Amino acid sequence: MVLESGTDHVRGHTDRLRSGMNHLALWAGSRADVDAITREAPQHGWRLLFADLHPHAGGPQHYAAFLEDDAGFEVELVAEEPESLA
């Protein structure tokens, strides 16, 4: 992925409602892997979004962590479905 900034770029804090990338979603392994990354995230400058809905902020069948850094960049770390649900 390449993101470019040109002369028409509007400077400022990243905001999910502005033009451009909202967030990047990545497969992050098992549910245990997503949980481990989520626990470690604050030590690396990331905070959990939608904590009251975590880990199902994307819906009851969607297991993921939504994280944001200090610049406002968001990632969604999605767990692979267990074989019994696939």
N, C-alpha and C. Protein backbone atom coordinates (compact mmCIF):
# COMPACT_ATOMS: atom_id res chain seq x y z
N MET A 1 0.84 -1.17 0.00
CA MET A 1 0.00 0.00 0.00
C MET A 1 0.89 1.23 0.00
N VAL A 2 0.51 2.19 -0.79
CA VAL A 2 1.24 3.45 -0.85
C VAL A 2 0.25 4.58 -0.62
N LEU A 3 0.59 5.47 0.29
CA LEU A 3 -0.20 6.67 0.52
C LEU A 3 0.68 7.85 0.15
N GLU A 4 0.14 8.75 -0.64
CA GLU A 4 0.92 9.91 -1.06
C GLU A 4 0.28 11.19 -0.57
N SER A 5 1.12 12.20 -0.46
CA SER A 5 0.66 13.53 -0.06
C SER A 5 1.12 14.51 -1.13
N GLY A 6 0.19 15.25 -1.69
CA GLY A 6 0.53 16.22 -2.71
C GLY A 6 0.27 17.64 -2.23
N THR A 7 0.30 18.56 -3.17
CA THR A 7 0.12 19.97 -2.81
C THR A 7 -1.29 20.27 -2.32
N ASP A 8 -2.26 19.43 -2.69
CA ASP A 8 -3.64 19.64 -2.26
C ASP A 8 -3.97 18.95 -0.94
N HIS A 9 -2.98 18.30 -0.36
CA HIS A 9 -3.19 17.57 0.89
C HIS A 9 -3.62 18.52 2.01
N VAL A 10 -4.65 18.12 2.74
CA VAL A 10 -5.11 18.90 3.89
C VAL A 10 -4.39 18.36 5.11
N ARG A 11 -3.61 19.20 5.74
CA ARG A 11 -2.84 18.78 6.91
C ARG A 11 -3.75 18.70 8.12
N GLY A 12 -3.35 17.89 9.06
CA GLY A 12 -4.10 17.78 10.30
C GLY A 12 -4.16 16.35 10.79
N HIS A 13 -4.72 16.21 11.95
CA HIS A 13 -4.85 14.92 12.60
C HIS A 13 -5.71 13.99 11.74
N THR A 14 -5.31 12.73 11.65
CA THR A 14 -6.10 11.75 10.93
C THR A 14 -7.46 11.61 11.59
N ASP A 15 -8.48 11.59 10.77
CA ASP A 15 -9.85 11.48 11.29
C ASP A 15 -10.60 10.53 10.38
N ARG A 16 -11.27 9.53 10.95
CA ARG A 16 -11.95 8.53 10.16
C ARG A 16 -13.05 9.12 9.28
N LEU A 17 -13.49 10.33 9.55
CA LEU A 17 -14.54 10.96 8.75
C LEU A 17 -13.99 11.84 7.63
N ARG A 18 -12.67 12.04 7.59
CA ARG A 18 -12.07 12.83 6.51
C ARG A 18 -11.84 11.95 5.30
N SER A 19 -11.60 12.57 4.18
CA SER A 19 -11.25 11.82 2.98
C SER A 19 -9.95 11.08 3.23
N GLY A 20 -9.82 9.93 2.59
CA GLY A 20 -8.60 9.13 2.74
C GLY A 20 -8.92 7.81 3.40
N MET A 21 -7.89 7.15 3.86
CA MET A 21 -8.05 5.83 4.45
C MET A 21 -8.74 5.93 5.82
N ASN A 22 -9.76 5.10 6.03
CA ASN A 22 -10.44 5.05 7.32
C ASN A 22 -9.62 4.22 8.29
N HIS A 23 -9.39 2.97 7.97
CA HIS A 23 -8.54 2.11 8.78
C HIS A 23 -8.06 0.94 7.94
N LEU A 24 -7.07 0.25 8.46
CA LEU A 24 -6.51 -0.90 7.78
C LEU A 24 -6.91 -2.14 8.57
N ALA A 25 -7.53 -3.12 7.92
CA ALA A 25 -7.92 -4.36 8.57
C ALA A 25 -6.95 -5.46 8.17
N LEU A 26 -6.51 -6.23 9.17
CA LEU A 26 -5.53 -7.29 8.94
C LEU A 26 -5.96 -8.58 9.62
N TRP A 27 -5.73 -9.72 8.98
CA TRP A 27 -5.89 -10.99 9.67
C TRP A 27 -4.77 -11.06 10.69
N ALA A 28 -5.10 -11.42 11.93
CA ALA A 28 -4.12 -11.38 13.01
C ALA A 28 -3.94 -12.72 13.70
N GLY A 29 -4.37 -13.80 13.09
CA GLY A 29 -4.20 -15.12 13.69
C GLY A 29 -5.43 -15.54 14.47
N SER A 30 -5.19 -16.31 15.50
CA SER A 30 -6.28 -16.85 16.31
C SER A 30 -6.84 -15.79 17.25
N ARG A 31 -7.93 -16.14 17.93
CA ARG A 31 -8.47 -15.24 18.94
C ARG A 31 -7.45 -14.99 20.04
N ALA A 32 -6.72 -16.03 20.42
CA ALA A 32 -5.67 -15.86 21.44
C ALA A 32 -4.59 -14.91 20.96
N ASP A 33 -4.26 -14.95 19.67
CA ASP A 33 -3.26 -14.03 19.10
C ASP A 33 -3.77 -12.60 19.16
N VAL A 34 -5.03 -12.39 18.78
CA VAL A 34 -5.63 -11.04 18.83
C VAL A 34 -5.63 -10.53 20.27
N ASP A 35 -5.99 -11.39 21.22
CA ASP A 35 -6.00 -11.00 22.63
C ASP A 35 -4.60 -10.62 23.11
N ALA A 36 -3.59 -11.39 22.72
CA ALA A 36 -2.21 -11.11 23.14
C ALA A 36 -1.73 -9.78 22.56
N ILE A 37 -2.01 -9.53 21.29
CA ILE A 37 -1.61 -8.27 20.66
C ILE A 37 -2.32 -7.10 21.34
N THR A 38 -3.60 -7.28 21.64
CA THR A 38 -4.38 -6.23 22.30
C THR A 38 -3.79 -5.89 23.67
N ARG A 39 -3.38 -6.90 24.42
CA ARG A 39 -2.77 -6.66 25.74
C ARG A 39 -1.45 -5.89 25.62
N GLU A 40 -0.68 -6.18 24.59
CA GLU A 40 0.63 -5.55 24.39
C GLU A 40 0.55 -4.18 23.72
N ALA A 41 -0.54 -3.90 23.03
CA ALA A 41 -0.67 -2.69 22.22
C ALA A 41 -0.37 -1.39 22.96
N PRO A 42 -0.88 -1.18 24.19
CA PRO A 42 -0.61 0.09 24.87
C PRO A 42 0.88 0.35 25.11
N GLN A 43 1.65 -0.69 25.26
CA GLN A 43 3.09 -0.53 25.46
C GLN A 43 3.80 -0.05 24.20
N HIS A 44 3.08 -0.10 23.08
CA HIS A 44 3.65 0.31 21.79
C HIS A 44 2.92 1.51 21.19
N GLY A 45 2.16 2.23 22.04
CA GLY A 45 1.53 3.47 21.59
C GLY A 45 0.15 3.32 20.98
N TRP A 46 -0.50 2.18 21.16
CA TRP A 46 -1.83 1.96 20.60
C TRP A 46 -2.85 1.88 21.72
N ARG A 47 -4.07 2.40 21.47
CA ARG A 47 -5.13 2.28 22.47
C ARG A 47 -6.30 1.56 21.84
N LEU A 48 -7.03 0.84 22.69
CA LEU A 48 -8.19 0.07 22.23
C LEU A 48 -9.38 1.00 22.02
N LEU A 49 -9.99 0.90 20.85
CA LEU A 49 -11.22 1.63 20.54
C LEU A 49 -12.42 0.75 20.87
N PHE A 50 -13.55 1.34 21.13
CA PHE A 50 -14.79 0.62 21.36
C PHE A 50 -14.63 -0.44 22.46
N ALA A 51 -13.94 -0.06 23.55
CA ALA A 51 -13.62 -1.01 24.62
C ALA A 51 -14.87 -1.66 25.20
N ASP A 52 -15.97 -0.92 25.23
CA ASP A 52 -17.20 -1.47 25.79
C ASP A 52 -17.80 -2.57 24.92
N LEU A 53 -17.41 -2.64 23.65
CA LEU A 53 -17.92 -3.65 22.73
C LEU A 53 -16.88 -4.71 22.36
N HIS A 54 -15.65 -4.50 22.79
CA HIS A 54 -14.54 -5.40 22.45
C HIS A 54 -14.79 -6.78 23.03
N PRO A 55 -14.52 -7.85 22.32
CA PRO A 55 -13.92 -7.97 20.99
C PRO A 55 -14.94 -8.11 19.85
N HIS A 56 -16.18 -7.73 20.10
CA HIS A 56 -17.22 -7.89 19.08
C HIS A 56 -17.75 -6.54 18.58
N ALA A 57 -16.89 -5.53 18.52
CA ALA A 57 -17.31 -4.21 18.05
C ALA A 57 -17.79 -4.25 16.61
N GLY A 58 -17.31 -5.23 15.84
CA GLY A 58 -17.74 -5.37 14.46
C GLY A 58 -18.97 -6.23 14.29
N GLY A 59 -19.56 -6.68 15.38
CA GLY A 59 -20.75 -7.52 15.35
C GLY A 59 -20.52 -8.81 16.12
N PRO A 60 -21.58 -9.52 16.44
CA PRO A 60 -21.47 -10.70 17.30
C PRO A 60 -20.66 -11.85 16.70
N GLN A 61 -20.59 -11.93 15.39
CA GLN A 61 -19.84 -13.01 14.74
C GLN A 61 -18.43 -12.58 14.31
N HIS A 62 -18.03 -11.36 14.70
CA HIS A 62 -16.76 -10.78 14.25
C HIS A 62 -15.87 -10.54 15.46
N TYR A 63 -14.75 -11.26 15.56
CA TYR A 63 -13.84 -11.15 16.70
C TYR A 63 -12.63 -10.34 16.25
N ALA A 64 -12.49 -9.14 16.80
CA ALA A 64 -11.40 -8.26 16.35
C ALA A 64 -11.08 -7.22 17.42
N ALA A 65 -9.91 -6.65 17.29
CA ALA A 65 -9.50 -5.51 18.12
C ALA A 65 -9.35 -4.31 17.20
N PHE A 66 -9.97 -3.21 17.56
CA PHE A 66 -9.83 -1.95 16.83
C PHE A 66 -8.88 -1.09 17.66
N LEU A 67 -7.74 -0.73 17.08
CA LEU A 67 -6.71 0.03 17.79
C LEU A 67 -6.41 1.33 17.07
N GLU A 68 -5.99 2.34 17.84
CA GLU A 68 -5.65 3.65 17.28
C GLU A 68 -4.35 4.12 17.91
N ASP A 69 -3.48 4.76 17.09
CA ASP A 69 -2.25 5.32 17.64
C ASP A 69 -2.43 6.82 17.89
N ASP A 70 -1.39 7.46 18.40
CA ASP A 70 -1.48 8.88 18.76
C ASP A 70 -1.72 9.79 17.56
N ALA A 71 -1.36 9.33 16.36
CA ALA A 71 -1.58 10.13 15.15
C ALA A 71 -2.99 9.95 14.60
N GLY A 72 -3.76 9.04 15.20
CA GLY A 72 -5.12 8.81 14.75
C GLY A 72 -5.28 7.70 13.75
N PHE A 73 -4.19 6.98 13.45
CA PHE A 73 -4.29 5.86 12.52
C PHE A 73 -4.95 4.68 13.22
N GLU A 74 -5.87 4.02 12.53
CA GLU A 74 -6.61 2.90 13.11
C GLU A 74 -6.30 1.61 12.37
N VAL A 75 -6.20 0.53 13.14
CA VAL A 75 -6.08 -0.80 12.57
C VAL A 75 -7.15 -1.68 13.20
N GLU A 76 -7.60 -2.63 12.43
CA GLU A 76 -8.55 -3.63 12.90
C GLU A 76 -7.85 -4.98 12.78
N LEU A 77 -7.60 -5.62 13.90
CA LEU A 77 -6.93 -6.91 13.91
C LEU A 77 -7.99 -7.99 14.04
N VAL A 78 -8.20 -8.74 12.98
CA VAL A 78 -9.30 -9.69 12.89
C VAL A 78 -8.79 -11.10 13.16
N ALA A 79 -9.51 -11.82 14.03
CA ALA A 79 -9.16 -13.21 14.30
C ALA A 79 -9.75 -14.11 13.23
N GLU A 80 -8.99 -15.13 12.88
CA GLU A 80 -9.51 -16.14 11.97
C GLU A 80 -10.63 -16.88 12.67
N GLU A 81 -11.62 -17.30 11.92
CA GLU A 81 -12.74 -18.03 12.49
C GLU A 81 -12.28 -19.41 12.96
N PRO A 82 -12.72 -19.83 14.13
CA PRO A 82 -12.44 -21.21 14.53
C PRO A 82 -13.04 -22.17 13.50
N GLU A 83 -12.40 -23.33 13.30
CA GLU A 83 -12.88 -24.27 12.28
C GLU A 83 -14.33 -24.67 12.49
N SER A 84 -14.79 -24.72 13.73
CA SER A 84 -16.17 -25.12 14.00
C SER A 84 -17.18 -24.09 13.50
N LEU A 85 -16.73 -22.83 13.28
CA LEU A 85 -17.64 -21.79 12.81
C LEU A 85 -17.44 -21.48 11.33
N ALA A 86 -16.37 -21.96 10.75
CA ALA A 86 -16.04 -21.61 9.37
C ALA A 86 -17.00 -22.23 8.38
